[in-house]
Protein backbone atom coordinates (compact mmCIF):
# COMPACT_ATOMS: atom_id res chain seq x y z
CA MET A 1 259.41 -28.56 104.26
CA ARG A 2 256.12 -29.89 103.42
CA ARG A 3 253.07 -30.80 105.89
CA PRO A 4 252.85 -34.34 106.84
CA ALA A 5 249.58 -35.75 105.07
CA GLY A 6 247.56 -36.09 107.75
CA ARG A 7 247.83 -31.98 108.27
CA ALA A 8 247.56 -31.10 104.96
CA ALA A 9 244.29 -33.72 104.91
CA ARG A 10 243.06 -31.89 107.93
CA SER A 11 244.01 -27.98 107.17
CA VAL A 12 241.82 -29.28 103.29
CA GLY A 13 238.69 -30.52 105.78
CA ALA A 14 238.84 -27.20 107.94
CA GLY A 15 239.15 -25.18 104.68
CA SER A 16 235.90 -26.82 103.27
CA LEU A 17 233.82 -26.54 106.46
CA CYS A 18 234.55 -22.64 106.45
CA VAL A 19 233.67 -22.74 103.10
CA LEU A 20 230.25 -25.12 103.54
CA ALA A 21 229.31 -22.64 106.03
CA ALA A 22 229.73 -19.65 104.33
CA SER A 23 227.00 -21.32 102.01
CA VAL A 24 224.93 -22.02 104.93
CA LEU A 25 225.05 -17.98 105.39
CA TRP A 26 224.37 -17.38 102.01
CA GLY A 27 221.70 -19.22 101.54
CA THR A 28 219.51 -17.26 103.87
CA THR A 29 219.59 -13.72 101.82
CA GLY A 30 216.49 -15.33 99.83
CA THR A 31 214.55 -15.61 102.92
CA ALA A 32 215.56 -12.35 104.22
CA ALA A 33 215.16 -10.39 101.04
CA THR A 34 211.28 -11.70 100.94
CA PHE A 35 210.99 -9.54 104.68
CA ALA A 36 211.52 -5.91 102.69
CA PRO A 37 209.74 -6.26 99.12
CA ALA A 38 209.83 -2.63 99.04
CA VAL A 39 213.30 -2.24 98.53
CA GLY A 40 214.79 -3.30 94.98
CA PRO A 41 217.87 -5.37 94.32
CA LEU A 42 220.82 -2.73 93.81
CA ALA A 43 220.29 -1.71 97.44
CA ILE A 44 219.52 -4.85 98.91
CA GLY A 45 223.12 -5.53 96.65
CA ALA A 46 225.06 -2.73 97.61
CA VAL A 47 223.96 -2.81 101.41
CA ALA A 48 224.59 -6.65 101.72
CA MET A 49 228.39 -6.35 99.90
CA GLY A 50 229.18 -2.73 100.40
CA LEU A 51 228.49 -2.36 104.33
CA GLY A 52 229.97 -5.44 104.46
CA GLY A 53 232.98 -5.26 102.95
CA LEU A 54 233.41 -2.51 104.78
CA LEU A 55 233.16 -3.87 107.71
CA GLN A 56 235.84 -6.38 107.48
CA ALA A 57 238.29 -3.64 105.78
CA LEU A 58 237.70 -2.05 109.37
CA THR A 59 238.32 -5.33 111.69
CA ALA A 60 241.31 -6.06 109.22
CA VAL A 61 243.02 -2.53 109.01
CA ALA A 62 246.04 -4.42 111.57
CA PRO A 63 246.90 -6.68 109.30
CA ILE A 64 246.25 -4.65 106.30
CA ALA A 65 249.02 -2.23 107.73
CA ARG A 66 251.36 -5.02 108.63
CA GLN A 67 251.02 -6.18 105.29
CA GLY A 68 250.69 -2.99 103.39
CA ARG A 69 254.17 -3.35 101.33
CA LYS A 70 252.67 -6.76 100.05
CA LEU A 71 249.33 -5.44 99.50
CA ARG A 72 250.53 -2.34 96.27
CA ALA A 73 252.55 -5.40 94.74
CA GLN A 74 249.99 -6.87 94.22
CA TRP A 75 247.57 -3.77 93.80
CA GLY A 76 246.54 -4.60 89.68
CA VAL A 77 245.26 -8.25 91.69
CA VAL A 78 243.53 -6.41 94.55
CA LEU A 79 241.91 -3.70 92.08
CA LEU A 80 240.89 -6.94 89.87
CA GLY A 81 239.03 -8.65 93.09
CA SER A 82 237.82 -4.98 94.33
CA VAL A 83 235.74 -4.20 91.02
CA ALA A 84 234.05 -7.91 91.00
CA VAL A 85 233.45 -7.25 94.46
CA ALA A 86 231.39 -4.47 93.44
CA VAL A 87 230.07 -5.39 90.19
CA TYR A 88 228.55 -9.36 91.60
CA PRO A 89 225.87 -8.13 94.14
CA LEU A 90 223.96 -6.18 92.24
CA ALA A 91 224.21 -8.23 89.10
CA PHE A 92 223.27 -11.46 91.39
CA TYR A 93 220.23 -9.31 92.99
CA SER A 94 219.09 -7.69 89.52
CA SER A 95 219.16 -11.06 87.81
CA MET A 96 217.18 -12.86 89.97
CA ARG A 97 214.54 -9.71 90.28
CA LEU A 98 214.49 -9.91 86.27
CA ALA A 99 214.74 -13.83 85.55
CA GLY A 100 212.96 -15.24 88.54
CA VAL A 101 214.95 -16.41 92.00
CA ALA A 102 215.13 -20.02 89.77
CA VAL A 103 216.92 -18.75 87.11
CA GLY A 104 219.32 -16.11 88.10
CA THR A 105 220.30 -18.46 91.24
CA VAL A 106 220.93 -21.42 88.24
CA VAL A 107 222.88 -18.99 86.01
CA SER A 108 224.64 -16.93 88.62
CA LEU A 109 225.63 -20.04 90.96
CA GLY A 110 225.75 -22.70 88.90
CA THR A 111 228.11 -21.63 86.61
CA ALA A 112 230.36 -19.89 88.61
CA PRO A 113 232.29 -23.07 89.54
CA LEU A 114 233.22 -23.60 85.60
CA ALA A 115 233.85 -19.56 85.03
CA SER A 116 236.21 -20.03 88.37
CA ALA A 117 237.45 -23.40 86.56
CA VAL A 118 238.54 -21.59 83.61
CA ILE A 119 240.20 -18.89 85.08
CA GLU A 120 242.36 -20.92 86.87
CA ARG A 121 243.30 -23.06 83.85
CA VAL A 122 244.09 -19.45 81.81
CA LEU A 123 245.78 -17.45 84.47
CA ASP A 124 247.40 -20.25 87.09
CA ARG A 125 248.05 -23.00 84.42
CA ARG A 126 246.26 -25.31 86.88
CA ARG A 127 245.34 -28.65 85.22
CA LEU A 128 241.24 -30.00 86.68
CA SER A 129 241.52 -33.05 88.27
CA ARG A 130 238.89 -35.62 87.16
CA ARG A 131 237.59 -35.85 91.29
CA TRP A 132 236.41 -31.66 90.32
CA THR A 133 235.19 -32.57 87.33
CA LEU A 134 232.56 -35.50 88.70
CA GLY A 135 231.63 -32.96 91.77
CA ALA A 136 231.06 -30.21 89.73
CA ALA A 137 229.23 -32.20 87.50
CA LEU A 138 226.93 -33.21 90.06
CA GLY A 139 226.58 -30.09 91.60
CA LEU A 140 225.24 -28.09 88.12
CA LEU A 141 223.13 -30.78 87.43
CA GLY A 142 221.61 -30.91 91.17
CA THR A 143 221.37 -27.08 90.85
CA VAL A 144 219.58 -27.18 87.54
CA LEU A 145 217.08 -29.42 88.07
CA LEU A 146 216.33 -28.04 92.06
CA CYS A 147 215.55 -24.13 89.75
CA VAL A 148 213.86 -26.17 87.80
CA GLY A 149 211.42 -27.39 90.85
CA GLU A 150 211.48 -24.15 91.59
CA ALA A 151 210.45 -22.94 88.47
CA THR A 152 207.71 -26.09 87.79
CA ARG A 153 206.00 -25.27 91.09
CA ASP A 154 202.94 -22.79 91.68
CA HIS A 155 203.68 -19.41 92.11
CA GLY A 156 200.28 -18.49 92.84
CA ASP A 157 199.17 -14.77 90.15
CA ARG A 158 202.92 -13.94 89.94
CA GLU A 159 203.17 -12.11 86.80
CA THR A 160 205.97 -14.23 84.01
CA ALA A 161 209.07 -12.17 83.22
CA SER A 162 208.92 -11.34 79.81
CA VAL A 163 211.13 -12.90 77.51
CA GLY A 164 213.25 -9.71 77.11
CA ALA A 165 213.92 -9.46 81.23
CA THR A 166 214.79 -13.36 81.55
CA VAL A 167 217.68 -12.64 78.77
CA LEU A 168 218.73 -9.54 80.23
CA GLY A 169 218.64 -11.34 84.37
CA VAL A 170 220.12 -14.41 82.56
CA GLY A 171 223.03 -12.37 81.11
CA LEU A 172 222.83 -10.54 84.61
CA GLY A 173 223.33 -14.00 86.07
CA LEU A 174 226.69 -14.84 83.44
CA ILE A 175 228.38 -11.77 85.54
CA ALA A 176 227.41 -12.32 88.24
CA ALA A 177 229.23 -16.10 87.77
CA ALA A 178 232.54 -13.81 86.03
CA THR A 179 232.60 -11.96 88.78
CA TYR A 180 231.98 -13.78 91.95
CA ALA A 181 234.87 -16.17 90.52
CA LEU A 182 237.11 -13.76 89.76
CA TYR A 183 237.59 -11.95 92.90
CA SER A 184 237.53 -15.62 94.60
CA TRP A 185 240.89 -16.61 92.86
CA ALA A 186 242.31 -12.69 93.38
CA ALA A 187 241.87 -13.21 97.05
CA HIS A 188 243.26 -16.97 96.37
CA ARG A 189 245.59 -14.84 94.69
CA LEU A 190 246.93 -12.87 97.42
CA ILE A 191 246.72 -15.38 100.17
CA THR A 192 249.00 -17.42 98.37
CA ARG A 193 251.77 -15.13 97.61
CA GLY A 194 251.95 -14.93 101.67
CA ILE A 195 248.80 -12.05 102.53
CA THR A 196 246.95 -13.77 105.24
CA SER A 197 243.17 -14.22 104.64
CA ARG A 198 242.45 -10.83 107.50
CA ALA A 199 244.56 -8.59 104.97
CA ALA A 200 243.38 -10.15 101.61
CA MET A 201 239.73 -9.88 102.13
CA GLY A 202 239.92 -6.56 104.12
CA ALA A 203 241.94 -4.93 101.77
CA VAL A 204 239.30 -6.62 98.75
CA PHE A 205 236.50 -6.14 100.05
CA GLY A 206 236.89 -2.96 101.66
CA VAL A 207 237.85 -1.08 98.19
CA GLY A 208 234.45 -3.22 97.30
CA GLY A 209 232.36 -1.43 99.59
CA LEU A 210 234.40 1.66 99.07
CA LEU A 211 233.01 1.07 95.18
CA LEU A 212 229.54 0.73 96.40
CA VAL A 213 228.70 3.33 98.35
CA PRO A 214 227.58 5.96 95.45
CA VAL A 215 225.24 2.92 94.51
CA LEU A 216 223.87 2.32 98.07
CA LEU A 217 223.39 6.23 98.31
CA ALA A 218 221.42 6.16 95.29
CA THR A 219 219.32 3.82 95.87
CA GLY A 220 219.42 2.93 99.79
CA ALA A 221 215.90 5.37 100.80
CA PRO A 222 213.52 2.36 100.87
CA LEU A 223 215.73 0.84 103.51
CA ILE A 224 215.25 3.64 106.55
CA SER A 225 211.84 3.43 105.57
CA SER A 226 210.93 1.15 107.73
CA TRP A 227 212.18 -1.06 111.30
CA SER A 228 211.88 -4.13 109.10
CA ASN A 229 213.79 -3.02 106.41
CA ALA A 230 216.58 -1.99 108.29
CA ALA A 231 216.64 -4.70 109.95
CA VAL A 232 217.35 -6.53 106.61
CA GLY A 233 219.63 -4.16 105.31
CA VAL A 234 221.29 -4.29 108.81
CA TYR A 235 221.31 -8.87 108.99
CA MET A 236 222.18 -9.28 105.69
CA ALA A 237 225.59 -7.26 106.00
CA LEU A 238 226.57 -8.74 109.29
CA VAL A 239 225.65 -12.11 108.78
CA PRO A 240 225.68 -13.45 105.49
CA MET A 241 228.11 -10.75 103.75
CA PHE A 242 230.12 -9.84 106.88
CA ALA A 243 230.74 -13.27 107.90
CA GLY A 244 229.93 -15.47 105.33
CA TYR A 245 233.13 -14.29 103.91
CA VAL A 246 235.11 -13.42 107.05
CA LEU A 247 234.52 -17.62 106.49
CA PHE A 248 234.95 -18.22 102.35
CA GLY A 249 238.40 -16.11 103.07
CA TRP A 250 239.61 -18.83 106.16
CA GLY A 251 238.41 -21.57 103.80
CA LEU A 252 240.15 -19.77 100.88
CA ALA A 253 243.55 -20.29 102.53
CA HIS A 254 243.41 -23.55 102.05
CA VAL A 255 241.19 -24.90 99.26
CA PRO A 256 241.49 -23.92 95.51
CA ALA A 257 238.90 -21.56 94.03
CA SER A 258 237.62 -23.89 91.91
CA THR A 259 236.87 -26.05 94.91
CA ALA A 260 235.49 -23.52 96.85
CA THR A 261 232.99 -22.19 94.39
CA THR A 262 232.00 -24.91 93.71
CA LEU A 263 231.35 -26.40 97.17
CA SER A 264 229.07 -22.95 98.00
CA LEU A 265 226.95 -24.62 95.34
CA LEU A 266 225.23 -25.51 98.94
CA GLU A 267 223.77 -22.05 98.72
CA PRO A 268 220.46 -22.55 96.33
CA ALA A 269 219.96 -25.63 98.51
CA VAL A 270 220.43 -24.07 101.92
CA ALA A 271 217.99 -21.42 100.13
CA ALA A 272 214.88 -23.99 99.14
CA VAL A 273 215.00 -25.57 102.41
CA LEU A 274 214.49 -22.47 104.10
CA ALA A 275 211.79 -21.34 101.17
CA VAL A 276 210.05 -24.26 102.81
CA LEU A 277 211.17 -24.59 106.03
CA VAL A 278 209.99 -20.53 106.44
CA VAL A 279 208.11 -18.90 103.84
CA GLY A 280 205.98 -22.06 103.77
CA GLU A 281 206.38 -22.68 99.43
CA ARG A 282 206.45 -26.33 98.92
CA LEU A 283 209.46 -27.77 96.21
CA PRO A 284 208.32 -30.75 93.67
CA ALA A 285 210.39 -33.98 93.85
CA VAL A 286 212.27 -32.95 91.49
CA GLY A 287 213.28 -30.36 93.53
CA TRP A 288 214.69 -32.57 96.25
CA ILE A 289 216.17 -34.65 93.30
CA GLY A 290 218.71 -31.42 93.05
CA ILE A 291 219.20 -30.78 96.20
CA ALA A 292 220.26 -34.93 96.43
CA LEU A 293 223.03 -34.09 93.93
CA VAL A 294 224.56 -31.49 95.25
CA VAL A 295 224.97 -32.70 98.73
CA GLY A 296 226.51 -35.74 96.48
CA CYS A 297 228.84 -33.52 95.36
CA LEU A 298 229.55 -31.79 98.19
CA ALA A 299 230.54 -35.75 99.67
CA VAL A 300 232.41 -36.39 96.60
CA LEU A 301 234.77 -32.83 96.95
CA THR A 302 234.61 -33.56 100.23
CA ALA A 303 235.63 -37.60 100.49
CA PRO A 304 239.35 -39.16 101.83
CA ALA A 305 241.64 -39.73 98.59
CA ARG A 306 241.83 -43.75 98.11
CA ARG A 307 244.84 -44.64 100.44
CA THR A 308 248.00 -46.10 98.86
CA ARG A 309 250.21 -48.18 100.22
CA GLN A 310 253.74 -46.44 100.57
CA PRO A 311 257.19 -48.01 99.41
CA ARG A 312 259.72 -48.81 101.97
CA GLN A 313 262.39 -45.81 102.09
CA ARG A 314 265.41 -47.36 100.24
CA GLU A 315 269.16 -46.87 101.49
CA ASP A 316 269.30 -44.77 98.41
CA ASP A 317 266.64 -42.19 98.82
CA GLY A 318 269.04 -39.68 99.36
CA ALA A 319 270.37 -39.72 96.51
CA SER A 320 266.92 -39.37 94.79
CA ALA A 321 265.46 -36.68 96.86
CA GLN A 322 268.90 -34.82 96.06
CA VAL A 323 268.31 -35.33 92.01
CA GLY A 324 264.19 -34.49 92.77
CA ALA A 325 265.71 -31.20 94.51
CA ALA A 326 267.87 -30.17 91.91
CA HIS A 327 263.98 -30.78 89.09
CA GLY A 328 261.36 -29.52 91.47
CA GLY A 329 263.20 -28.08 94.25
CA THR A 330 260.72 -29.28 96.69
CA ALA A 331 263.35 -31.23 99.10
CA HIS A 332 264.71 -27.73 99.87
CA GLY A 333 261.37 -26.65 101.48
CA ASP A 334 260.07 -24.54 98.38
CA PRO A 335 256.40 -25.14 97.32
CA PRO A 336 255.32 -28.03 96.05
CA HIS A 337 253.80 -27.95 92.60
CA GLY A 338 251.13 -28.81 90.90
CA ASP A 339 247.65 -29.58 92.51
CA ALA A 340 249.13 -29.42 96.26
CA ALA A 341 249.96 -25.87 95.93
CA HIS A 342 246.47 -25.09 95.76
CA GLY A 343 245.80 -27.25 98.44
CA ASP A 344 244.89 -29.77 97.32
CA PRO A 345 245.45 -33.60 99.24
CA PRO A 346 247.93 -35.86 97.40
CA PRO A 347 246.99 -39.13 97.39
CA GLY A 348 246.57 -41.28 100.50
CA ASP A 349 245.96 -38.58 102.74
CA ALA A 350 244.06 -38.73 105.34
CA PRO A 351 240.03 -38.46 105.95
CA PRO A 352 239.26 -34.62 105.93
CA PRO A 353 236.70 -35.24 109.33
CA ALA A 354 234.87 -31.85 109.31
CA ALA A 355 234.01 -31.75 106.04
CA ALA A 356 232.90 -35.49 105.78
CA ALA A 357 230.48 -34.79 108.64
CA ALA A 358 229.35 -31.79 107.19
CA ALA A 359 228.42 -33.21 104.42
CA ALA A 360 226.48 -36.13 105.53
CA ALA A 361 224.84 -33.75 108.27
CA ALA A 362 223.93 -32.10 105.28
CA ALA A 363 222.75 -35.26 103.93
CA ALA A 364 221.06 -36.18 106.83
CA ALA A 365 219.19 -33.03 107.22
CA VAL A 366 217.82 -33.05 103.72
CA SER A 367 216.22 -36.56 104.59
CA LEU A 368 214.55 -35.24 107.73
CA VAL A 369 212.79 -32.32 106.08
CA ALA A 370 212.22 -34.34 102.63
CA ARG A 371 210.00 -36.92 104.98
CA PRO A 372 207.27 -34.96 105.74
CA GLU A 373 207.29 -33.50 101.63
CA ALA A 374 206.81 -37.09 100.39
CA ASP A 375 204.15 -38.37 102.71
CA ARG A 376 201.62 -35.08 101.53
């Protein structure tokens, strides 16, 4: 049977909140990396996603063993997601090193929702809602403005990257966006095929972590050259990658990959705020406008659908249900079709309070942080 509308909305709200929490953790990676400037991007990516993925697999040994038959039946999806997991951090951190944090971030994260939507449209035949389109447009515009603000502020005596390095960085950013969207889709596909989120994420990220071990062995020497570098590596593996992707896996159990990647646009906003509060950087007004648009994107995606009045049940509903079951199958307990199968709440759902509260809290935090900047 279908879940009641209220339970479905709470499920989507909880999933959205998990993705938002993961995005907050991911947003700390840039600030953390500033404490280990001697560590290269390949080593940072390999230690973060490699060790984090192996930890996910180790903590999910029992679920993976119990659902081994289902995972083997979906070995192609697992392998595809694992290769994407291995490629993503190498492309992402290299993109930021070559093209700069601003350009690397906007290309890698800002285009990921679009890549995810294309993947779901092609592989799942999933239609994109107008709400998602509006939310993605706000989020992408906000990320662009945020990165414009990052690019236009004073960076001191840092040399400007060459045109060739910038072009290569943009290309790596597009690869990062595609692989991020791809492993998000793979994990969501496994979960919707009856595999628990722990088993799905443990299998995909565990194999991806194994693929990153050679990269870590070849480039990770600076990580053990000092205690501060080692601490950064341990933090990156345990908090943003391990804990963050556990939360992301729980979120993917309740929302589609395109929604999850769009909600994760909170990450660059968090990174910019931390750069102001922790690192001491100053963000121009256009950057704060971008953060406000990202918060607006989250509000659009997590706001409840407008409640519609349900018609009174008529006596011939039983015959109508039998006809609908013959054509759609939902009356006999089969999974619903369309957006409901992907976790989108149907019209008339109750509000997802957790996600709405998170968006409101984010907006309040932005206003509190932005106020001193405006007074200067």
